[in-house]
């Protein structure tokens, strides 16, 4: 994984790195590996993750087909933001 540091702005590069790690699931994996997980617990967790993914996929499919309405996105405040 690589993050470019522009104009010696290490803080911005660090934020970008953390965001990339978060997106890849590295922090979740580290938290999971902190302690031993019994094989039965692992199977139960993987099963629940699978069910959650399947439900999310079905919900997105239903929204695309117009069976359920999409949730309106909350409007974000007009602050300085990124440049």
PDB file of N, CA and C in Angstrom:
ATOM      1  N   UNK A   1       0.851  -1.167   0.000  1.00  0.00           N
ATOM      2  CA  UNK A   1       0.000   0.000   0.000  1.00  0.00           C
ATOM      3  C   UNK A   1       0.897   1.231   0.000  1.00  0.00           C
ATOM      4  N   UNK A   2       0.479   2.240  -0.743  1.00  0.00           N
ATOM      5  CA  UNK A   2       1.336   3.403  -0.910  1.00  0.00           C
ATOM      6  C   UNK A   2       0.505   4.681  -0.802  1.00  0.00           C
ATOM      7  N   UNK A   3       1.048   5.670  -0.082  1.00  0.00           N
ATOM      8  CA  UNK A   3       0.406   6.975   0.043  1.00  0.00           C
ATOM      9  C   UNK A   3       1.448   8.026  -0.273  1.00  0.00           C
ATOM     10  N   UNK A   4       1.095   8.955  -1.129  1.00  0.00           N
ATOM     11  CA  UNK A   4       2.026  10.027  -1.487  1.00  0.00           C
ATOM     12  C   UNK A   4       1.914  11.165  -0.486  1.00  0.00           C
ATOM     13  N   UNK A   5       3.081  11.720  -0.111  1.00  0.00           N
ATOM     14  CA  UNK A   5       3.119  12.875   0.777  1.00  0.00           C
ATOM     15  C   UNK A   5       3.349  14.100  -0.088  1.00  0.00           C
ATOM     16  N   UNK A   6       2.364  14.983  -0.108  1.00  0.00           N
ATOM     17  CA  UNK A   6       2.469  16.191  -0.932  1.00  0.00           C
ATOM     18  C   UNK A   6       2.802  17.390  -0.054  1.00  0.00           C
ATOM     19  N   UNK A   7       3.701  18.211  -0.523  1.00  0.00           N
ATOM     20  CA  UNK A   7       4.099  19.454   0.171  1.00  0.00           C
ATOM     21  C   UNK A   7       4.474  19.208   1.626  1.00  0.00           C
ATOM     22  N   UNK A   8       5.138  18.102   1.899  1.00  0.00           N
ATOM     23  CA  UNK A   8       5.557  17.734   3.257  1.00  0.00           C
ATOM     24  C   UNK A   8       4.398  17.708   4.250  1.00  0.00           C
ATOM     25  N   UNK A   9       3.185  17.439   3.764  1.00  0.00           N
ATOM     26  CA  UNK A   9       2.011  17.388   4.630  1.00  0.00           C
ATOM     27  C   UNK A   9       1.799  15.944   5.088  1.00  0.00           C
ATOM     28  N   UNK A  10       2.473  15.584   6.180  1.00  0.00           N
ATOM     29  CA  UNK A  10       2.434  14.222   6.682  1.00  0.00           C
ATOM     30  C   UNK A  10       1.066  13.906   7.295  1.00  0.00           C
ATOM     31  N   UNK A  11       0.439  14.902   7.934  1.00  0.00           N
ATOM     32  CA  UNK A  11      -0.870  14.673   8.554  1.00  0.00           C
ATOM     33  C   UNK A  11      -1.908  14.246   7.515  1.00  0.00           C
ATOM     34  N   UNK A  12      -1.899  14.921   6.384  1.00  0.00           N
ATOM     35  CA  UNK A  12      -2.851  14.577   5.320  1.00  0.00           C
ATOM     36  C   UNK A  12      -2.565  13.174   4.774  1.00  0.00           C
ATOM     37  N   UNK A  13      -1.294  12.844   4.603  1.00  0.00           N
ATOM     38  CA  UNK A  13      -0.919  11.525   4.108  1.00  0.00           C
ATOM     39  C   UNK A  13      -1.313  10.441   5.116  1.00  0.00           C
ATOM     40  N   UNK A  14      -1.150  10.727   6.401  1.00  0.00           N
ATOM     41  CA  UNK A  14      -1.518   9.772   7.444  1.00  0.00           C
ATOM     42  C   UNK A  14      -3.024   9.518   7.436  1.00  0.00           C
ATOM     43  N   UNK A  15      -3.812  10.584   7.257  1.00  0.00           N
ATOM     44  CA  UNK A  15      -5.272  10.429   7.170  1.00  0.00           C
ATOM     45  C   UNK A  15      -5.638   9.560   5.976  1.00  0.00           C
ATOM     46  N   UNK A  16      -4.974   9.795   4.849  1.00  0.00           N
ATOM     47  CA  UNK A  16      -5.251   9.010   3.640  1.00  0.00           C
ATOM     48  C   UNK A  16      -4.895   7.538   3.869  1.00  0.00           C
ATOM     49  N   UNK A  17      -3.765   7.287   4.551  1.00  0.00           N
ATOM     50  CA  UNK A  17      -3.353   5.917   4.837  1.00  0.00           C
ATOM     51  C   UNK A  17      -4.367   5.221   5.739  1.00  0.00           C
ATOM     52  N   UNK A  18      -4.812   5.911   6.785  1.00  0.00           N
ATOM     53  CA  UNK A  18      -5.795   5.330   7.698  1.00  0.00           C
ATOM     54  C   UNK A  18      -7.088   5.008   6.969  1.00  0.00           C
ATOM     55  N   UNK A  19      -7.489   5.885   6.066  1.00  0.00           N
ATOM     56  CA  UNK A  19      -8.711   5.651   5.306  1.00  0.00           C
ATOM     57  C   UNK A  19      -8.570   4.412   4.422  1.00  0.00           C
ATOM     58  N   UNK A  20      -7.398   4.266   3.783  1.00  0.00           N
ATOM     59  CA  UNK A  20      -7.160   3.097   2.937  1.00  0.00           C
ATOM     60  C   UNK A  20      -7.164   1.815   3.767  1.00  0.00           C
ATOM     61  N   UNK A  21      -6.507   1.854   4.934  1.00  0.00           N
ATOM     62  CA  UNK A  21      -6.467   0.682   5.805  1.00  0.00           C
ATOM     63  C   UNK A  21      -7.869   0.318   6.281  1.00  0.00           C
ATOM     64  N   UNK A  22      -8.669   1.337   6.600  1.00  0.00           N
ATOM     65  CA  UNK A  22     -10.038   1.112   7.046  1.00  0.00           C
ATOM     66  C   UNK A  22     -10.843   0.440   5.938  1.00  0.00           C
ATOM     67  N   UNK A  23     -10.693   0.947   4.714  1.00  0.00           N
ATOM     68  CA  UNK A  23     -11.428   0.402   3.573  1.00  0.00           C
ATOM     69  C   UNK A  23     -11.044  -1.050   3.293  1.00  0.00           C
ATOM     70  N   UNK A  24      -9.777  -1.380   3.500  1.00  0.00           N
ATOM     71  CA  UNK A  24      -9.303  -2.745   3.246  1.00  0.00           C
ATOM     72  C   UNK A  24      -9.664  -3.706   4.373  1.00  0.00           C
ATOM     73  N   UNK A  25     -10.090  -3.185   5.519  1.00  0.00           N
ATOM     74  CA  UNK A  25     -10.484  -4.048   6.630  1.00  0.00           C
ATOM     75  C   UNK A  25      -9.323  -4.490   7.497  1.00  0.00           C
ATOM     76  N   UNK A  26      -8.217  -3.775   7.440  1.00  0.00           N
ATOM     77  CA  UNK A  26      -7.026  -4.160   8.210  1.00  0.00           C
ATOM     78  C   UNK A  26      -7.283  -4.008   9.710  1.00  0.00           C
ATOM     79  N   UNK A  27      -7.937  -2.919  10.117  1.00  0.00           N
ATOM     80  CA  UNK A  27      -8.181  -2.693  11.543  1.00  0.00           C
ATOM     81  C   UNK A  27      -9.123  -3.754  12.102  1.00  0.00           C
ATOM     82  N   UNK A  28     -10.134  -4.124  11.324  1.00  0.00           N
ATOM     83  CA  UNK A  28     -11.079  -5.152  11.749  1.00  0.00           C
ATOM     84  C   UNK A  28     -10.349  -6.484  11.931  1.00  0.00           C
ATOM     85  N   UNK A  29      -9.451  -6.773  10.986  1.00  0.00           N
ATOM     86  CA  UNK A  29      -8.678  -8.021  11.047  1.00  0.00           C
ATOM     87  C   UNK A  29      -7.765  -8.037  12.276  1.00  0.00           C
ATOM     88  N   UNK A  30      -7.114  -6.904  12.550  1.00  0.00           N
ATOM     89  CA  UNK A  30      -6.229  -6.829  13.727  1.00  0.00           C
ATOM     90  C   UNK A  30      -7.025  -7.049  15.011  1.00  0.00           C
ATOM     91  N   UNK A  31      -8.200  -6.435  15.088  1.00  0.00           N
ATOM     92  CA  UNK A  31      -9.035  -6.574  16.277  1.00  0.00           C
ATOM     93  C   UNK A  31      -9.460  -8.034  16.458  1.00  0.00           C
ATOM     94  N   UNK A  32      -9.785  -8.693  15.340  1.00  0.00           N
ATOM     95  CA  UNK A  32     -10.218 -10.083  15.384  1.00  0.00           C
ATOM     96  C   UNK A  32      -9.102 -10.996  15.853  1.00  0.00           C
ATOM     97  N   UNK A  33      -7.881 -10.717  15.433  1.00  0.00           N
ATOM     98  CA  UNK A  33      -6.752 -11.587  15.758  1.00  0.00           C
ATOM     99  C   UNK A  33      -6.132 -11.301  17.119  1.00  0.00           C
ATOM    100  N   UNK A  34      -6.666 -10.308  17.839  1.00  0.00           N
ATOM    101  CA  UNK A  34      -6.115  -9.970  19.142  1.00  0.00           C
ATOM    102  C   UNK A  34      -6.208 -11.129  20.120  1.00  0.00           C
ATOM    103  N   UNK A  35      -7.295 -11.903  20.043  1.00  0.00           N
ATOM    104  CA  UNK A  35      -7.448 -13.042  20.943  1.00  0.00           C
ATOM    105  C   UNK A  35      -7.893 -14.256  20.142  1.00  0.00           C
ATOM    106  N   UNK A  36      -7.765 -15.418  20.756  1.00  0.00           N
ATOM    107  CA  UNK A  36      -8.097 -16.668  20.075  1.00  0.00           C
ATOM    108  C   UNK A  36      -9.601 -16.753  19.840  1.00  0.00           C
ATOM    109  N   UNK A  37      -9.958 -17.245  18.659  1.00  0.00           N
ATOM    110  CA  UNK A  37     -11.370 -17.432  18.320  1.00  0.00           C
ATOM    111  C   UNK A  37     -11.592 -18.928  18.087  1.00  0.00           C
ATOM    112  N   UNK A  38     -12.515 -19.500  18.851  1.00  0.00           N
ATOM    113  CA  UNK A  38     -12.801 -20.922  18.689  1.00  0.00           C
ATOM    114  C   UNK A  38     -13.355 -21.180  17.296  1.00  0.00           C
ATOM    115  N   UNK A  39     -13.089 -22.362  16.747  1.00  0.00           N
ATOM    116  CA  UNK A  39     -13.609 -22.679  15.406  1.00  0.00           C
ATOM    117  C   UNK A  39     -15.124 -22.539  15.302  1.00  0.00           C
ATOM    118  N   UNK A  40     -15.851 -22.894  16.372  1.00  0.00           N
ATOM    119  CA  UNK A  40     -17.316 -22.759  16.337  1.00  0.00           C
ATOM    120  C   UNK A  40     -17.711 -21.283  16.283  1.00  0.00           C
ATOM    121  N   UNK A  41     -16.995 -20.431  17.032  1.00  0.00           N
ATOM    122  CA  UNK A  41     -17.267 -18.990  17.007  1.00  0.00           C
ATOM    123  C   UNK A  41     -16.951 -18.413  15.625  1.00  0.00           C
ATOM    124  N   UNK A  42     -15.873 -18.914  15.025  1.00  0.00           N
ATOM    125  CA  UNK A  42     -15.477 -18.449  13.696  1.00  0.00           C
ATOM    126  C   UNK A  42     -16.538 -18.781  12.656  1.00  0.00           C
ATOM    127  N   UNK A  43     -17.048 -20.012  12.724  1.00  0.00           N
ATOM    128  CA  UNK A  43     -18.099 -20.422  11.788  1.00  0.00           C
ATOM    129  C   UNK A  43     -19.342 -19.562  11.973  1.00  0.00           C
ATOM    130  N   UNK A  44     -19.720 -19.309  13.223  1.00  0.00           N
ATOM    131  CA  UNK A  44     -20.912 -18.500  13.507  1.00  0.00           C
ATOM    132  C   UNK A  44     -20.724 -17.073  12.991  1.00  0.00           C
ATOM    133  N   UNK A  45     -19.529 -16.503  13.204  1.00  0.00           N
ATOM    134  CA  UNK A  45     -19.253 -15.141  12.735  1.00  0.00           C
ATOM    135  C   UNK A  45     -19.291 -15.076  11.220  1.00  0.00           C
ATOM    136  N   UNK A  46     -18.646 -16.041  10.566  1.00  0.00           N
ATOM    137  CA  UNK A  46     -18.622 -16.041   9.101  1.00  0.00           C
ATOM    138  C   UNK A  46     -20.024 -16.219   8.532  1.00  0.00           C
ATOM    139  N   UNK A  47     -20.838 -17.058   9.190  1.00  0.00           N
ATOM    140  CA  UNK A  47     -22.210 -17.267   8.743  1.00  0.00           C
ATOM    141  C   UNK A  47     -23.010 -15.975   8.859  1.00  0.00           C
ATOM    142  N   UNK A  48     -22.873 -15.273   9.999  1.00  0.00           N
ATOM    143  CA  UNK A  48     -23.628 -14.034  10.181  1.00  0.00           C
ATOM    144  C   UNK A  48     -23.161 -12.960   9.204  1.00  0.00           C
ATOM    145  N   UNK A  49     -21.846 -12.913   8.920  1.00  0.00           N
ATOM    146  CA  UNK A  49     -21.336 -11.955   7.930  1.00  0.00           C
ATOM    147  C   UNK A  49     -21.904 -12.267   6.552  1.00  0.00           C
ATOM    148  N   UNK A  50     -21.987 -13.542   6.225  1.00  0.00           N
ATOM    149  CA  UNK A  50     -22.529 -13.962   4.939  1.00  0.00           C
ATOM    150  C   UNK A  50     -24.000 -13.561   4.810  1.00  0.00           C
ATOM    151  N   UNK A  51     -24.770 -13.788   5.880  1.00  0.00           N
ATOM    152  CA  UNK A  51     -26.187 -13.421   5.874  1.00  0.00           C
ATOM    153  C   UNK A  51     -26.336 -11.916   5.701  1.00  0.00           C
ATOM    154  N   UNK A  52     -25.500 -11.152   6.409  1.00  0.00           N
ATOM    155  CA  UNK A  52     -25.569  -9.689   6.314  1.00  0.00           C
ATOM    156  C   UNK A  52     -25.267  -9.213   4.890  1.00  0.00           C
ATOM    157  N   UNK A  53     -24.229  -9.819   4.277  1.00  0.00           N
ATOM    158  CA  UNK A  53     -23.889  -9.448   2.894  1.00  0.00           C
ATOM    159  C   UNK A  53     -25.019  -9.787   1.943  1.00  0.00           C
ATOM    160  N   UNK A  54     -25.630 -10.966   2.130  1.00  0.00           N
ATOM    161  CA  UNK A  54     -26.726 -11.399   1.254  1.00  0.00           C
ATOM    162  C   UNK A  54     -27.924 -10.466   1.393  1.00  0.00           C
ATOM    163  N   UNK A  55     -28.247 -10.060   2.617  1.00  0.00           N
ATOM    164  CA  UNK A  55     -29.367  -9.141   2.838  1.00  0.00           C
ATOM    165  C   UNK A  55     -29.088  -7.792   2.196  1.00  0.00           C
ATOM    166  N   UNK A  56     -27.859  -7.322   2.334  1.00  0.00           N
ATOM    167  CA  UNK A  56     -27.494  -6.029   1.741  1.00  0.00           C
ATOM    168  C   UNK A  56     -27.615  -6.088   0.219  1.00  0.00           C
ATOM    169  N   UNK A  57     -27.133  -7.178  -0.366  1.00  0.00           N
ATOM    170  CA  UNK A  57     -27.218  -7.357  -1.816  1.00  0.00           C
ATOM    171  C   UNK A  57     -28.678  -7.405  -2.276  1.00  0.00           C
ATOM    172  N   UNK A  58     -29.514  -8.148  -1.532  1.00  0.00           N
ATOM    173  CA  UNK A  58     -30.934  -8.247  -1.875  1.00  0.00           C
ATOM    174  C   UNK A  58     -31.613  -6.886  -1.762  1.00  0.00           C
ATOM    175  N   UNK A  59     -31.252  -6.119  -0.727  1.00  0.00           N
ATOM    176  CA  UNK A  59     -31.837  -4.783  -0.542  1.00  0.00           C
ATOM    177  C   UNK A  59     -31.455  -3.860  -1.691  1.00  0.00           C
ATOM    178  N   UNK A  60     -30.183  -3.897  -2.092  1.00  0.00           N
ATOM    179  CA  UNK A  60     -29.730  -3.065  -3.214  1.00  0.00           C
ATOM    180  C   UNK A  60     -30.441  -3.470  -4.504  1.00  0.00           C
ATOM    181  N   UNK A  61     -30.596  -4.782  -4.712  1.00  0.00           N
ATOM    182  CA  UNK A  61     -31.268  -5.278  -5.911  1.00  0.00           C
ATOM    183  C   UNK A  61     -32.722  -4.799  -5.934  1.00  0.00           C
ATOM    184  N   UNK A  62     -33.397  -4.884  -4.778  1.00  0.00           N
ATOM    185  CA  UNK A  62     -34.790  -4.453  -4.695  1.00  0.00           C
ATOM    186  C   UNK A  62     -34.911  -2.950  -4.950  1.00  0.00           C
ATOM    187  N   UNK A  63     -33.943  -2.171  -4.469  1.00  0.00           N
ATOM    188  CA  UNK A  63     -33.963  -0.729  -4.713  1.00  0.00           C
ATOM    189  C   UNK A  63     -33.790  -0.440  -6.191  1.00  0.00           C
ATOM    190  N   UNK A  64     -32.887  -1.192  -6.852  1.00  0.00           N
ATOM    191  CA  UNK A  64     -32.659  -0.988  -8.282  1.00  0.00           C
ATOM    192  C   UNK A  64     -33.915  -1.303  -9.088  1.00  0.00           C
ATOM    193  N   UNK A  65     -34.634  -2.334  -8.649  1.00  0.00           N
ATOM    194  CA  UNK A  65     -35.839  -2.743  -9.363  1.00  0.00           C
ATOM    195  C   UNK A  65     -37.045  -1.898  -8.994  1.00  0.00           C
ATOM    196  N   UNK A  66     -36.899  -1.014  -8.001  1.00  0.00           N
ATOM    197  CA  UNK A  66     -37.982  -0.124  -7.609  1.00  0.00           C
ATOM    198  C   UNK A  66     -38.983  -0.748  -6.657  1.00  0.00           C
ATOM    199  N   UNK A  67     -38.653  -1.890  -6.083  1.00  0.00           N
ATOM    200  CA  UNK A  67     -39.571  -2.538  -5.153  1.00  0.00           C
ATOM    201  C   UNK A  67     -39.615  -1.825  -3.809  1.00  0.00           C
ATOM    202  N   UNK A  68     -38.472  -1.271  -3.400  1.00  0.00           N
ATOM    203  CA  UNK A  68     -38.438  -0.462  -2.177  1.00  0.00           C
ATOM    204  C   UNK A  68     -37.767   0.855  -2.504  1.00  0.00           C
ATOM    205  N   UNK A  69     -38.172   1.899  -1.778  1.00  0.00           N
ATOM    206  CA  UNK A  69     -37.642   3.236  -2.038  1.00  0.00           C
ATOM    207  C   UNK A  69     -36.260   3.378  -1.415  1.00  0.00           C
ATOM    208  N   UNK A  70     -35.422   4.137  -2.086  1.00  0.00           N
ATOM    209  CA  UNK A  70     -34.097   4.421  -1.540  1.00  0.00           C
ATOM    210  C   UNK A  70     -34.234   5.413  -0.397  1.00  0.00           C
ATOM    211  N   UNK A  71     -33.388   5.254   0.609  1.00  0.00           N
ATOM    212  CA  UNK A  71     -33.394   6.201   1.716  1.00  0.00           C
ATOM    213  C   UNK A  71     -32.797   7.512   1.231  1.00  0.00           C
ATOM    214  N   UNK A  72     -33.419   8.640   1.568  1.00  0.00           N
ATOM    215  CA  UNK A  72     -32.843   9.919   1.140  1.00  0.00           C
ATOM    216  C   UNK A  72     -31.547  10.192   1.873  1.00  0.00           C
ATOM    217  N   UNK A  73     -30.581  10.691   1.140  1.00  0.00           N
ATOM    218  CA  UNK A  73     -29.293  11.020   1.756  1.00  0.00           C
ATOM    219  C   UNK A  73     -29.425  12.284   2.581  1.00  0.00           C
ATOM    220  N   UNK A  74     -28.825  12.303   3.779  1.00  0.00           N
ATOM    221  CA  UNK A  74     -28.873  13.542   4.574  1.00  0.00           C
ATOM    222  C   UNK A  74     -28.020  14.617   3.907  1.00  0.00           C
ATOM    223  N   UNK A  75     -28.537  15.840   3.912  1.00  0.00           N
ATOM    224  CA  UNK A  75     -27.793  16.939   3.297  1.00  0.00           C
ATOM    225  C   UNK A  75     -26.662  17.340   4.223  1.00  0.00           C
ATOM    226  N   UNK A  76     -25.484  17.508   3.628  1.00  0.00           N
ATOM    227  CA  UNK A  76     -24.315  17.874   4.425  1.00  0.00           C
ATOM    228  C   UNK A  76     -24.222  19.378   4.532  1.00  0.00           C
ATOM    229  N   UNK A  77     -23.737  19.837   5.670  1.00  0.00           N
ATOM    230  CA  UNK A  77     -23.579  21.269   5.905  1.00  0.00           C
ATOM    231  C   UNK A  77     -22.513  21.835   4.985  1.00  0.00           C
ATOM    232  N   UNK A  78     -22.686  23.034   4.545  1.00  0.00           N
ATOM    233  CA  UNK A  78     -21.741  23.697   3.647  1.00  0.00           C
ATOM    234  C   UNK A  78     -20.655  24.374   4.483  1.00  0.00           C
ATOM    235  N   UNK A  79     -19.667  23.593   4.870  1.00  0.00           N
ATOM    236  CA  UNK A  79     -18.535  24.140   5.618  1.00  0.00           C
ATOM    237  C   UNK A  79     -17.344  24.204   4.696  1.00  0.00           C
ATOM    238  N   UNK A  80     -16.205  24.552   5.210  1.00  0.00           N
ATOM    239  CA  UNK A  80     -14.996  24.691   4.399  1.00  0.00           C
ATOM    240  C   UNK A  80     -14.705  23.479   3.539  1.00  0.00           C
ATOM    241  N   UNK A  81     -14.748  22.289   4.126  1.00  0.00           N
ATOM    242  CA  UNK A  81     -14.557  21.072   3.367  1.00  0.00           C
ATOM    243  C   UNK A  81     -13.181  20.949   2.755  1.00  0.00           C
ATOM    244  N   UNK A  82     -13.060  20.041   1.794  1.00  0.00           N
ATOM    245  CA  UNK A  82     -11.774  19.828   1.133  1.00  0.00           C
ATOM    246  C   UNK A  82     -11.609  20.777  -0.022  1.00  0.00           C
ATOM    247  N   UNK A  83     -10.364  21.001  -0.386  1.00  0.00           N
ATOM    248  CA  UNK A  83     -10.068  21.886  -1.521  1.00  0.00           C
ATOM    249  C   UNK A  83      -9.394  21.121  -2.606  1.00  0.00           C
TER     250      UNK A  83
END
